[in-house]
All heavy atoms as atom14 arrays in JSON, in Angstrom:
{
  "sequence": "YLHMTYEGVLKEIGDNVAQGEVIALSGNSGWSSGPHLHIQVNNSFIQP",
  "atom14_mask": [
    [1, 1, 1, 1, 1, 1, 1, 1, 1, 1, 1, 1, 0, 0],
    [1, 1, 1, 1, 1, 1, 1, 1, 0, 0, 0, 0, 0, 0],
    [1, 1, 1, 1, 1, 1, 1, 1, 1, 1, 0, 0, 0, 0],
    [1, 1, 1, 1, 1, 1, 1, 1, 0, 0, 0, 0, 0, 0],
    [1, 1, 1, 1, 1, 1, 1, 0, 0, 0, 0, 0, 0, 0],
    [1, 1, 1, 1, 1, 1, 1, 1, 1, 1, 1, 1, 0, 0],
    [1, 1, 1, 1, 1, 1, 1, 1, 1, 0, 0, 0, 0, 0],
    [1, 1, 1, 1, 0, 0, 0, 0, 0, 0, 0, 0, 0, 0],
    [1, 1, 1, 1, 1, 1, 1, 0, 0, 0, 0, 0, 0, 0],
    [1, 1, 1, 1, 1, 1, 1, 1, 0, 0, 0, 0, 0, 0],
    [1, 1, 1, 1, 1, 1, 1, 1, 1, 0, 0, 0, 0, 0],
    [1, 1, 1, 1, 1, 1, 1, 1, 1, 0, 0, 0, 0, 0],
    [1, 1, 1, 1, 1, 1, 1, 1, 0, 0, 0, 0, 0, 0],
    [1, 1, 1, 1, 0, 0, 0, 0, 0, 0, 0, 0, 0, 0],
    [1, 1, 1, 1, 1, 1, 1, 1, 0, 0, 0, 0, 0, 0],
    [1, 1, 1, 1, 1, 1, 1, 1, 0, 0, 0, 0, 0, 0],
    [1, 1, 1, 1, 1, 1, 1, 0, 0, 0, 0, 0, 0, 0],
    [1, 1, 1, 1, 1, 0, 0, 0, 0, 0, 0, 0, 0, 0],
    [1, 1, 1, 1, 1, 1, 1, 1, 1, 0, 0, 0, 0, 0],
    [1, 1, 1, 1, 0, 0, 0, 0, 0, 0, 0, 0, 0, 0],
    [1, 1, 1, 1, 1, 1, 1, 1, 1, 0, 0, 0, 0, 0],
    [1, 1, 1, 1, 1, 1, 1, 0, 0, 0, 0, 0, 0, 0],
    [1, 1, 1, 1, 1, 1, 1, 1, 0, 0, 0, 0, 0, 0],
    [1, 1, 1, 1, 1, 0, 0, 0, 0, 0, 0, 0, 0, 0],
    [1, 1, 1, 1, 1, 1, 1, 1, 0, 0, 0, 0, 0, 0],
    [1, 1, 1, 1, 1, 1, 0, 0, 0, 0, 0, 0, 0, 0],
    [1, 1, 1, 1, 0, 0, 0, 0, 0, 0, 0, 0, 0, 0],
    [1, 1, 1, 1, 1, 1, 1, 1, 0, 0, 0, 0, 0, 0],
    [1, 1, 1, 1, 1, 1, 0, 0, 0, 0, 0, 0, 0, 0],
    [1, 1, 1, 1, 0, 0, 0, 0, 0, 0, 0, 0, 0, 0],
    [1, 1, 1, 1, 1, 1, 1, 1, 1, 1, 1, 1, 1, 1],
    [1, 1, 1, 1, 1, 1, 0, 0, 0, 0, 0, 0, 0, 0],
    [1, 1, 1, 1, 1, 1, 0, 0, 0, 0, 0, 0, 0, 0],
    [1, 1, 1, 1, 0, 0, 0, 0, 0, 0, 0, 0, 0, 0],
    [1, 1, 1, 1, 1, 1, 1, 0, 0, 0, 0, 0, 0, 0],
    [1, 1, 1, 1, 1, 1, 1, 1, 1, 1, 0, 0, 0, 0],
    [1, 1, 1, 1, 1, 1, 1, 1, 0, 0, 0, 0, 0, 0],
    [1, 1, 1, 1, 1, 1, 1, 1, 1, 1, 0, 0, 0, 0],
    [1, 1, 1, 1, 1, 1, 1, 1, 0, 0, 0, 0, 0, 0],
    [1, 1, 1, 1, 1, 1, 1, 1, 1, 0, 0, 0, 0, 0],
    [1, 1, 1, 1, 1, 1, 1, 0, 0, 0, 0, 0, 0, 0],
    [1, 1, 1, 1, 1, 1, 1, 1, 0, 0, 0, 0, 0, 0],
    [1, 1, 1, 1, 1, 1, 1, 1, 0, 0, 0, 0, 0, 0],
    [1, 1, 1, 1, 1, 1, 0, 0, 0, 0, 0, 0, 0, 0],
    [1, 1, 1, 1, 1, 1, 1, 1, 1, 1, 1, 0, 0, 0],
    [1, 1, 1, 1, 1, 1, 1, 1, 0, 0, 0, 0, 0, 0],
    [1, 1, 1, 1, 1, 1, 1, 1, 1, 0, 0, 0, 0, 0],
    [1, 1, 1, 1, 1, 1, 1, 0, 0, 0, 0, 0, 0, 0]
  ],
  "atom14_positions": [
    [[3.1, 9.4, 7.0], [4.45, 9.29, 7.7], [5.16, 8.1, 7.04], [4.66, 6.99, 7.18], [4.23, 8.98, 9.23], [3.32, 9.97, 9.88], [1.98, 9.92, 9.81], [3.8, 10.94, 10.83], [1.07, 10.81, 10.42], [2.96, 11.78, 11.46], [1.65, 11.73, 11.31], [0.79, 12.56, 12.02], [0.0, 0.0, 0.0], [0.0, 0.0, 0.0]],
    [[6.35, 8.33, 6.43], [6.96, 7.36, 5.62], [8.32, 6.86, 6.22], [8.96, 7.62, 6.94], [7.23, 7.82, 4.22], [6.08, 7.99, 3.21], [6.52, 8.67, 1.93], [5.47, 6.69, 2.94], [0.0, 0.0, 0.0], [0.0, 0.0, 0.0], [0.0, 0.0, 0.0], [0.0, 0.0, 0.0], [0.0, 0.0, 0.0], [0.0, 0.0, 0.0]],
    [[8.75, 5.66, 5.78], [10.02, 5.03, 6.01], [10.1, 4.42, 7.41], [11.2, 4.31, 8.04], [11.22, 6.01, 5.81], [11.19, 6.63, 4.5], [11.13, 5.96, 3.24], [11.12, 8.01, 4.09], [11.05, 6.93, 2.3], [11.08, 8.07, 2.77], [0.0, 0.0, 0.0], [0.0, 0.0, 0.0], [0.0, 0.0, 0.0], [0.0, 0.0, 0.0]],
    [[8.9, 4.05, 8.03], [8.95, 3.41, 9.37], [9.81, 2.21, 9.33], [10.03, 1.53, 8.35], [7.47, 3.09, 9.77], [6.54, 4.22, 9.83], [7.06, 5.55, 10.94], [7.5, 6.82, 9.8], [0.0, 0.0, 0.0], [0.0, 0.0, 0.0], [0.0, 0.0, 0.0], [0.0, 0.0, 0.0], [0.0, 0.0, 0.0], [0.0, 0.0, 0.0]],
    [[10.33, 1.77, 10.52], [11.1, 0.6, 10.64], [10.22, -0.66, 10.51], [9.01, -0.62, 10.57], [11.83, 0.61, 11.93], [12.85, -0.39, 11.91], [10.97, 0.36, 13.19], [0.0, 0.0, 0.0], [0.0, 0.0, 0.0], [0.0, 0.0, 0.0], [0.0, 0.0, 0.0], [0.0, 0.0, 0.0], [0.0, 0.0, 0.0], [0.0, 0.0, 0.0]],
    [[10.83, -1.83, 10.34], [10.13, -3.1, 10.3], [9.29, -3.27, 11.49], [9.8, -3.15, 12.64], [11.17, -4.19, 10.13], [10.56, -5.55, 10.19], [9.64, -6.03, 9.22], [10.84, -6.48, 11.24], [9.12, -7.28, 9.25], [10.32, -7.76, 11.2], [9.42, -8.16, 10.29], [8.86, -9.39, 10.36], [0.0, 0.0, 0.0], [0.0, 0.0, 0.0]],
    [[7.95, -3.51, 11.28], [6.97, -3.74, 12.38], [7.01, -2.51, 13.25], [6.84, -2.61, 14.5], [7.31, -5.07, 13.11], [7.02, -6.25, 12.23], [7.05, -7.55, 13.08], [7.67, -7.53, 14.14], [6.59, -8.61, 12.48], [0.0, 0.0, 0.0], [0.0, 0.0, 0.0], [0.0, 0.0, 0.0], [0.0, 0.0, 0.0], [0.0, 0.0, 0.0]],
    [[7.25, -1.31, 12.78], [7.39, -0.16, 13.56], [6.14, 0.73, 13.62], [6.11, 1.82, 14.18], [0.0, 0.0, 0.0], [0.0, 0.0, 0.0], [0.0, 0.0, 0.0], [0.0, 0.0, 0.0], [0.0, 0.0, 0.0], [0.0, 0.0, 0.0], [0.0, 0.0, 0.0], [0.0, 0.0, 0.0], [0.0, 0.0, 0.0], [0.0, 0.0, 0.0]],
    [[5.1, 0.28, 13.04], [3.76, 1.03, 13.09], [3.03, 0.46, 14.33], [2.77, -0.76, 14.43], [2.89, 0.8, 11.91], [1.55, 1.59, 11.97], [3.65, 1.39, 10.64], [0.0, 0.0, 0.0], [0.0, 0.0, 0.0], [0.0, 0.0, 0.0], [0.0, 0.0, 0.0], [0.0, 0.0, 0.0], [0.0, 0.0, 0.0], [0.0, 0.0, 0.0]],
    [[2.68, 1.38, 15.25], [2.08, 1.01, 16.54], [0.55, 1.06, 16.65], [-0.04, 0.8, 17.56], [2.64, 1.91, 17.63], [4.27, 1.89, 17.6], [4.71, 2.77, 18.8], [4.79, 0.44, 17.79], [0.0, 0.0, 0.0], [0.0, 0.0, 0.0], [0.0, 0.0, 0.0], [0.0, 0.0, 0.0], [0.0, 0.0, 0.0], [0.0, 0.0, 0.0]],
    [[-0.08, 1.46, 15.5], [-1.52, 1.59, 15.42], [-2.05, 0.67, 14.26], [-1.29, 0.33, 13.45], [-1.98, 3.01, 15.27], [-1.44, 3.95, 16.33], [-2.12, 3.66, 17.64], [-1.65, 4.53, 18.7], [-2.27, 4.21, 20.06], [0.0, 0.0, 0.0], [0.0, 0.0, 0.0], [0.0, 0.0, 0.0], [0.0, 0.0, 0.0], [0.0, 0.0, 0.0]],
    [[-3.33, 0.45, 14.26], [-3.99, -0.26, 13.33], [-5.03, 0.5, 12.54], [-5.49, 1.54, 13.1], [-4.69, -1.56, 13.88], [-3.67, -2.5, 14.59], [-4.37, -3.74, 15.09], [-5.64, -3.78, 15.15], [-3.69, -4.6, 15.63], [0.0, 0.0, 0.0], [0.0, 0.0, 0.0], [0.0, 0.0, 0.0], [0.0, 0.0, 0.0], [0.0, 0.0, 0.0]],
    [[-5.38, 0.08, 11.38], [-6.44, 0.77, 10.61], [-7.8, 0.84, 11.46], [-8.12, -0.13, 11.96], [-6.61, 0.07, 9.26], [-5.43, 0.29, 8.43], [-7.94, 0.64, 8.51], [-5.61, -0.44, 6.96], [0.0, 0.0, 0.0], [0.0, 0.0, 0.0], [0.0, 0.0, 0.0], [0.0, 0.0, 0.0], [0.0, 0.0, 0.0], [0.0, 0.0, 0.0]],
    [[-8.28, 2.02, 11.45], [-9.5, 2.23, 12.33], [-9.31, 2.81, 13.7], [-10.22, 3.26, 14.31], [0.0, 0.0, 0.0], [0.0, 0.0, 0.0], [0.0, 0.0, 0.0], [0.0, 0.0, 0.0], [0.0, 0.0, 0.0], [0.0, 0.0, 0.0], [0.0, 0.0, 0.0], [0.0, 0.0, 0.0], [0.0, 0.0, 0.0], [0.0, 0.0, 0.0]],
    [[-8.06, 2.79, 14.17], [-7.69, 3.39, 15.44], [-7.9, 4.88, 15.39], [-7.47, 5.53, 14.36], [-6.31, 3.04, 15.87], [-6.1, 1.59, 16.3], [-7.1, 0.9, 16.47], [-5.02, 1.16, 16.5], [0.0, 0.0, 0.0], [0.0, 0.0, 0.0], [0.0, 0.0, 0.0], [0.0, 0.0, 0.0], [0.0, 0.0, 0.0], [0.0, 0.0, 0.0]],
    [[-8.42, 5.47, 16.48], [-8.35, 6.88, 16.58], [-7.12, 7.31, 17.41], [-6.78, 6.6, 18.31], [-9.68, 7.32, 17.38], [-10.92, 7.23, 16.65], [-11.08, 7.99, 15.61], [-11.88, 6.33, 17.05], [0.0, 0.0, 0.0], [0.0, 0.0, 0.0], [0.0, 0.0, 0.0], [0.0, 0.0, 0.0], [0.0, 0.0, 0.0], [0.0, 0.0, 0.0]],
    [[-6.43, 8.38, 16.96], [-5.28, 8.72, 17.6], [-5.37, 10.25, 17.95], [-6.01, 11.12, 17.23], [-4.01, 8.53, 16.69], [-3.79, 7.05, 16.44], [-4.15, 9.29, 15.43], [0.0, 0.0, 0.0], [0.0, 0.0, 0.0], [0.0, 0.0, 0.0], [0.0, 0.0, 0.0], [0.0, 0.0, 0.0], [0.0, 0.0, 0.0], [0.0, 0.0, 0.0]],
    [[-4.74, 10.51, 19.06], [-4.76, 11.92, 19.55], [-3.55, 12.68, 19.08], [-2.5, 12.03, 18.91], [-4.89, 11.95, 21.06], [0.0, 0.0, 0.0], [0.0, 0.0, 0.0], [0.0, 0.0, 0.0], [0.0, 0.0, 0.0], [0.0, 0.0, 0.0], [0.0, 0.0, 0.0], [0.0, 0.0, 0.0], [0.0, 0.0, 0.0], [0.0, 0.0, 0.0]],
    [[-3.62, 13.97, 18.92], [-2.47, 14.73, 18.58], [-1.37, 14.54, 19.67], [-1.66, 14.67, 20.86], [-2.8, 16.28, 18.49], [-1.7, 17.09, 18.03], [-2.13, 18.52, 17.86], [-2.46, 19.18, 18.86], [-2.09, 19.05, 16.66], [0.0, 0.0, 0.0], [0.0, 0.0, 0.0], [0.0, 0.0, 0.0], [0.0, 0.0, 0.0], [0.0, 0.0, 0.0]],
    [[-0.18, 14.21, 19.3], [0.96, 14.13, 20.2], [1.09, 12.67, 20.68], [2.07, 12.33, 21.4], [0.0, 0.0, 0.0], [0.0, 0.0, 0.0], [0.0, 0.0, 0.0], [0.0, 0.0, 0.0], [0.0, 0.0, 0.0], [0.0, 0.0, 0.0], [0.0, 0.0, 0.0], [0.0, 0.0, 0.0], [0.0, 0.0, 0.0], [0.0, 0.0, 0.0]],
    [[0.18, 11.79, 20.29], [0.32, 10.35, 20.77], [1.3, 9.71, 19.93], [1.4, 9.91, 18.64], [-1.08, 9.71, 20.55], [-1.1, 8.27, 20.91], [-2.54, 7.69, 20.84], [-3.45, 8.5, 20.53], [-2.74, 6.51, 21.02], [0.0, 0.0, 0.0], [0.0, 0.0, 0.0], [0.0, 0.0, 0.0], [0.0, 0.0, 0.0], [0.0, 0.0, 0.0]],
    [[2.01, 8.69, 20.46], [3.02, 7.97, 19.74], [2.44, 6.96, 18.87], [1.51, 6.21, 19.28], [3.99, 7.26, 20.67], [5.03, 6.41, 19.9], [4.81, 8.28, 21.53], [0.0, 0.0, 0.0], [0.0, 0.0, 0.0], [0.0, 0.0, 0.0], [0.0, 0.0, 0.0], [0.0, 0.0, 0.0], [0.0, 0.0, 0.0], [0.0, 0.0, 0.0]],
    [[2.73, 6.96, 17.51], [2.03, 6.22, 16.55], [2.93, 5.25, 15.87], [2.51, 4.3, 15.17], [1.31, 7.03, 15.5], [2.29, 8.07, 14.85], [0.13, 7.8, 16.18], [1.73, 8.79, 13.65], [0.0, 0.0, 0.0], [0.0, 0.0, 0.0], [0.0, 0.0, 0.0], [0.0, 0.0, 0.0], [0.0, 0.0, 0.0], [0.0, 0.0, 0.0]],
    [[4.26, 5.55, 15.86], [5.2, 4.65, 15.08], [6.6, 4.9, 15.5], [6.88, 5.75, 16.31], [5.02, 4.98, 13.5], [0.0, 0.0, 0.0], [0.0, 0.0, 0.0], [0.0, 0.0, 0.0], [0.0, 0.0, 0.0], [0.0, 0.0, 0.0], [0.0, 0.0, 0.0], [0.0, 0.0, 0.0], [0.0, 0.0, 0.0], [0.0, 0.0, 0.0]],
    [[7.56, 4.07, 14.96], [8.94, 4.18, 15.16], [9.62, 4.43, 13.8], [9.36, 3.74, 12.84], [9.52, 2.84, 15.81], [8.91, 2.48, 17.14], [9.46, 1.19, 17.56], [9.08, 3.56, 18.19], [0.0, 0.0, 0.0], [0.0, 0.0, 0.0], [0.0, 0.0, 0.0], [0.0, 0.0, 0.0], [0.0, 0.0, 0.0], [0.0, 0.0, 0.0]],
    [[10.41, 5.41, 13.78], [11.07, 5.82, 12.48], [12.03, 4.69, 11.96], [12.42, 3.89, 12.68], [11.86, 7.13, 12.64], [12.97, 6.95, 13.45], [0.0, 0.0, 0.0], [0.0, 0.0, 0.0], [0.0, 0.0, 0.0], [0.0, 0.0, 0.0], [0.0, 0.0, 0.0], [0.0, 0.0, 0.0], [0.0, 0.0, 0.0], [0.0, 0.0, 0.0]],
    [[12.41, 4.78, 10.65], [13.19, 3.74, 10.11], [13.9, 4.19, 8.9], [14.27, 5.4, 8.67], [0.0, 0.0, 0.0], [0.0, 0.0, 0.0], [0.0, 0.0, 0.0], [0.0, 0.0, 0.0], [0.0, 0.0, 0.0], [0.0, 0.0, 0.0], [0.0, 0.0, 0.0], [0.0, 0.0, 0.0], [0.0, 0.0, 0.0], [0.0, 0.0, 0.0]],
    [[14.19, 3.21, 7.98], [14.97, 3.51, 6.8], [14.51, 2.6, 5.7], [15.23, 2.0, 4.91], [16.49, 3.32, 7.02], [17.34, 3.64, 5.87], [17.06, 4.65, 5.15], [18.4, 3.0, 5.68], [0.0, 0.0, 0.0], [0.0, 0.0, 0.0], [0.0, 0.0, 0.0], [0.0, 0.0, 0.0], [0.0, 0.0, 0.0], [0.0, 0.0, 0.0]],
    [[13.14, 2.38, 5.6], [12.63, 1.47, 4.63], [12.24, 2.11, 3.34], [12.04, 3.36, 3.26], [11.32, 0.86, 5.14], [10.36, 1.86, 5.48], [0.0, 0.0, 0.0], [0.0, 0.0, 0.0], [0.0, 0.0, 0.0], [0.0, 0.0, 0.0], [0.0, 0.0, 0.0], [0.0, 0.0, 0.0], [0.0, 0.0, 0.0], [0.0, 0.0, 0.0]],
    [[12.2, 1.32, 2.24], [11.69, 1.9, 0.88], [12.74, 2.83, 0.24], [13.9, 2.69, 0.32], [0.0, 0.0, 0.0], [0.0, 0.0, 0.0], [0.0, 0.0, 0.0], [0.0, 0.0, 0.0], [0.0, 0.0, 0.0], [0.0, 0.0, 0.0], [0.0, 0.0, 0.0], [0.0, 0.0, 0.0], [0.0, 0.0, 0.0], [0.0, 0.0, 0.0]],
    [[12.19, 3.88, -0.41], [12.95, 4.88, -1.16], [13.63, 5.77, -0.1], [13.09, 6.84, 0.24], [12.15, 5.58, -2.1], [12.88, 6.35, -3.15], [13.97, 7.15, -2.88], [12.63, 6.45, -4.54], [14.5, 7.66, -4.06], [13.67, 7.26, -5.12], [11.7, 5.92, -5.36], [13.7, 7.52, -6.47], [11.68, 6.23, -6.73], [12.69, 6.97, -7.27]],
    [[14.74, 5.43, 0.35], [15.49, 6.21, 1.39], [16.99, 6.06, 1.36], [17.48, 4.98, 1.16], [14.98, 5.62, 2.81], [15.61, 6.29, 3.88], [0.0, 0.0, 0.0], [0.0, 0.0, 0.0], [0.0, 0.0, 0.0], [0.0, 0.0, 0.0], [0.0, 0.0, 0.0], [0.0, 0.0, 0.0], [0.0, 0.0, 0.0], [0.0, 0.0, 0.0]],
    [[17.57, 7.2, 1.48], [19.1, 7.2, 1.38], [19.81, 7.15, 2.73], [21.0, 7.07, 2.86], [19.56, 8.5, 0.64], [19.12, 9.61, 1.44], [0.0, 0.0, 0.0], [0.0, 0.0, 0.0], [0.0, 0.0, 0.0], [0.0, 0.0, 0.0], [0.0, 0.0, 0.0], [0.0, 0.0, 0.0], [0.0, 0.0, 0.0], [0.0, 0.0, 0.0]],
    [[18.96, 7.08, 3.82], [19.52, 6.98, 5.16], [18.3, 7.1, 6.12], [17.18, 7.54, 5.76], [0.0, 0.0, 0.0], [0.0, 0.0, 0.0], [0.0, 0.0, 0.0], [0.0, 0.0, 0.0], [0.0, 0.0, 0.0], [0.0, 0.0, 0.0], [0.0, 0.0, 0.0], [0.0, 0.0, 0.0], [0.0, 0.0, 0.0], [0.0, 0.0, 0.0]],
    [[18.49, 6.84, 7.48], [17.38, 6.88, 8.38], [16.82, 8.18, 8.52], [17.44, 9.2, 8.82], [18.05, 6.42, 9.68], [19.24, 5.59, 9.26], [19.74, 6.22, 8.01], [0.0, 0.0, 0.0], [0.0, 0.0, 0.0], [0.0, 0.0, 0.0], [0.0, 0.0, 0.0], [0.0, 0.0, 0.0], [0.0, 0.0, 0.0], [0.0, 0.0, 0.0]],
    [[15.47, 8.32, 8.33], [14.82, 9.61, 8.4], [13.26, 9.47, 8.38], [12.77, 8.33, 8.11], [15.24, 10.58, 7.23], [14.65, 10.26, 5.88], [15.01, 9.22, 5.22], [13.58, 10.83, 5.27], [14.33, 9.22, 4.03], [13.44, 10.17, 4.05], [0.0, 0.0, 0.0], [0.0, 0.0, 0.0], [0.0, 0.0, 0.0], [0.0, 0.0, 0.0]],
    [[12.55, 10.51, 8.75], [11.11, 10.45, 8.62], [10.76, 11.44, 7.49], [11.18, 12.6, 7.48], [10.48, 11.04, 10.0], [9.03, 11.4, 9.88], [8.21, 10.06, 9.7], [8.57, 12.1, 11.17], [0.0, 0.0, 0.0], [0.0, 0.0, 0.0], [0.0, 0.0, 0.0], [0.0, 0.0, 0.0], [0.0, 0.0, 0.0], [0.0, 0.0, 0.0]],
    [[9.92, 10.99, 6.61], [9.32, 11.78, 5.61], [7.85, 11.99, 6.0], [7.08, 11.04, 6.33], [9.37, 11.13, 4.19], [8.6, 11.79, 3.11], [9.25, 12.41, 2.05], [7.23, 11.82, 2.91], [8.23, 12.85, 1.2], [7.11, 12.53, 1.72], [0.0, 0.0, 0.0], [0.0, 0.0, 0.0], [0.0, 0.0, 0.0], [0.0, 0.0, 0.0]],
    [[7.4, 13.3, 6.0], [6.08, 13.57, 6.3], [5.42, 14.57, 5.36], [6.14, 15.49, 4.9], [5.98, 14.02, 7.82], [4.43, 14.11, 8.19], [6.64, 15.36, 8.02], [4.24, 14.32, 9.7], [0.0, 0.0, 0.0], [0.0, 0.0, 0.0], [0.0, 0.0, 0.0], [0.0, 0.0, 0.0], [0.0, 0.0, 0.0], [0.0, 0.0, 0.0]],
    [[4.15, 14.34, 5.04], [3.44, 15.21, 4.22], [2.02, 15.18, 4.58], [1.54, 14.27, 5.18], [3.65, 14.8, 2.64], [3.05, 13.44, 2.47], [3.5, 12.88, 1.04], [4.63, 12.79, 0.73], [2.45, 12.52, 0.34], [0.0, 0.0, 0.0], [0.0, 0.0, 0.0], [0.0, 0.0, 0.0], [0.0, 0.0, 0.0], [0.0, 0.0, 0.0]],
    [[1.3, 16.29, 4.18], [-0.16, 16.38, 4.33], [-0.75, 16.52, 3.06], [-0.45, 17.52, 2.36], [-0.55, 17.51, 5.34], [-2.08, 17.62, 5.47], [0.06, 17.28, 6.76], [0.0, 0.0, 0.0], [0.0, 0.0, 0.0], [0.0, 0.0, 0.0], [0.0, 0.0, 0.0], [0.0, 0.0, 0.0], [0.0, 0.0, 0.0], [0.0, 0.0, 0.0]],
    [[-1.65, 15.6, 2.69], [-2.28, 15.67, 1.4], [-3.71, 16.31, 1.58], [-4.48, 16.04, 2.54], [-2.59, 14.21, 0.86], [-1.31, 13.56, 0.41], [-0.17, 14.17, 0.49], [-1.31, 12.33, 0.11], [0.0, 0.0, 0.0], [0.0, 0.0, 0.0], [0.0, 0.0, 0.0], [0.0, 0.0, 0.0], [0.0, 0.0, 0.0], [0.0, 0.0, 0.0]],
    [[-4.1, 17.06, 0.56], [-5.43, 17.57, 0.47], [-6.19, 16.49, -0.38], [-5.93, 16.31, -1.51], [-5.52, 18.92, -0.26], [-6.92, 19.42, -0.39], [-7.87, 18.73, -0.24], [-6.99, 20.76, -0.65], [0.0, 0.0, 0.0], [0.0, 0.0, 0.0], [0.0, 0.0, 0.0], [0.0, 0.0, 0.0], [0.0, 0.0, 0.0], [0.0, 0.0, 0.0]],
    [[-7.07, 15.76, 0.36], [-7.75, 14.62, -0.31], [-8.62, 14.93, -1.49], [-9.08, 14.19, -2.23], [-8.51, 13.83, 0.74], [-9.47, 14.55, 1.3], [0.0, 0.0, 0.0], [0.0, 0.0, 0.0], [0.0, 0.0, 0.0], [0.0, 0.0, 0.0], [0.0, 0.0, 0.0], [0.0, 0.0, 0.0], [0.0, 0.0, 0.0], [0.0, 0.0, 0.0]],
    [[-8.85, 16.29, -1.66], [-9.79, 16.7, -2.62], [-8.95, 16.95, -3.99], [-9.57, 17.29, -5.0], [-10.55, 17.94, -2.27], [-11.46, 17.7, -1.09], [-11.09, 18.18, 0.15], [-12.57, 16.95, -1.21], [-11.86, 17.86, 1.17], [-13.42, 16.64, -0.09], [-13.05, 17.15, 1.13], [0.0, 0.0, 0.0], [0.0, 0.0, 0.0], [0.0, 0.0, 0.0]],
    [[-7.63, 17.05, -3.91], [-6.82, 17.27, -5.07], [-6.16, 15.89, -5.43], [-5.43, 15.34, -4.58], [-5.7, 18.29, -4.8], [-6.31, 19.56, -4.43], [-4.83, 18.41, -6.07], [-5.4, 20.67, -4.21], [0.0, 0.0, 0.0], [0.0, 0.0, 0.0], [0.0, 0.0, 0.0], [0.0, 0.0, 0.0], [0.0, 0.0, 0.0], [0.0, 0.0, 0.0]],
    [[-6.39, 15.36, -6.63], [-5.89, 14.03, -6.88], [-4.48, 14.14, -7.53], [-4.23, 15.0, -8.32], [-6.9, 13.36, -7.93], [-8.21, 13.18, -7.45], [-8.29, 12.27, -6.19], [-7.54, 11.33, -6.13], [-9.04, 12.7, -5.14], [0.0, 0.0, 0.0], [0.0, 0.0, 0.0], [0.0, 0.0, 0.0], [0.0, 0.0, 0.0], [0.0, 0.0, 0.0]],
    [[-3.65, 13.18, -7.22], [-2.31, 13.11, -7.89], [-2.44, 13.04, -9.42], [-3.29, 12.4, -9.99], [-1.8, 11.82, -7.36], [-2.39, 11.6, -6.0], [-3.82, 12.18, -6.23], [0.0, 0.0, 0.0], [0.0, 0.0, 0.0], [0.0, 0.0, 0.0], [0.0, 0.0, 0.0], [0.0, 0.0, 0.0], [0.0, 0.0, 0.0], [0.0, 0.0, 0.0]]
  ]
}
Protein backbone atom coordinates (compact mmCIF):
# COMPACT_ATOMS: atom_id res chain seq x y z
CA TYR A 1 0.00 0.00 0.00
CA LEU A 2 1.79 3.15 -1.24
CA HIS A 3 1.73 6.95 -0.75
CA MET A 4 0.59 6.96 2.90
CA THR A 5 0.57 10.33 4.63
CA TYR A 6 3.32 11.44 7.01
CA GLU A 7 3.22 9.19 10.11
CA GLY A 8 0.16 7.57 8.58
CA VAL A 9 1.10 3.92 9.03
CA LEU A 10 -0.81 2.58 12.03
CA LYS A 11 0.96 -0.77 12.37
CA GLU A 12 4.50 -1.92 13.07
CA ILE A 13 6.68 -4.62 11.55
CA GLY A 14 5.70 -7.96 13.06
CA ASP A 15 2.08 -7.00 13.76
CA ASN A 16 -0.61 -9.44 12.70
CA VAL A 17 -3.51 -7.75 10.93
CA ALA A 18 -6.97 -9.04 10.13
CA GLN A 19 -8.73 -8.55 6.83
CA GLY A 20 -10.71 -5.31 6.94
CA GLU A 21 -8.69 -3.88 9.85
CA VAL A 22 -7.59 -0.24 9.54
CA ILE A 23 -3.83 -0.23 8.90
CA ALA A 24 -2.95 3.21 7.57
CA LEU A 25 -4.07 6.66 6.40
CA SER A 26 -3.79 7.54 2.71
CA GLY A 27 -1.66 10.40 1.52
CA ASN A 28 0.34 11.95 -1.30
CA SER A 29 3.94 10.99 -0.58
CA GLY A 30 6.67 9.98 -3.01
CA TRP A 31 6.02 9.44 -6.71
CA SER A 32 2.52 10.85 -6.77
CA SER A 33 0.66 13.38 -8.91
CA GLY A 34 -2.10 13.86 -6.33
CA PRO A 35 -3.64 12.26 -3.22
CA HIS A 36 -4.36 8.60 -3.89
CA LEU A 37 -3.75 5.02 -2.82
CA HIS A 38 -1.62 2.73 -4.96
CA ILE A 39 -2.05 -0.95 -4.19
CA GLN A 40 -0.54 -4.07 -5.67
CA VAL A 41 -0.10 -7.73 -4.76
CA ASN A 42 3.30 -9.28 -5.45
CA ASN A 43 3.97 -12.93 -6.03
CA SER A 44 7.06 -13.26 -3.85
CA PHE A 45 8.31 -16.17 -5.94
CA ILE A 46 8.73 -13.96 -9.04
CA GLN A 47 11.61 -11.54 -8.75
CA PRO A 48 11.56 -8.01 -10.25
